[in-house]
Amino acid sequence: MTESSEYAYLSTIGRVTGKWHTIEIWYVAHGGVMYLMAGDPATSDWVRNILANPQVLWRLGGTRDLTTDGAVPAEARP
């Protein structure tokens, strides 16, 4: 992953519906880590979905990556 500031597509599994939801989201890649922005982590559905189920699908350009490491650090949790 190169250092950049772009947008990507993030798919999470809905904590209520159990269905996949995809959003376009801004991110910054720095030091091999992707940082995502949530207006309010306590009410952002994608954050709450990841807290309920860490399986996520990333799409950056033409590349897709399925991971279960969608963990949100304790200090970033609402």
Foldseek 3Di string as FASTA:
>chain_A
DDWDWDKKKKWFQQLPPRHIDIDIFIWTDDPNDIDTDDPDLVPDRVNVRCVNFVWMWIGDPNDIDTDRPSDDDPVRHD
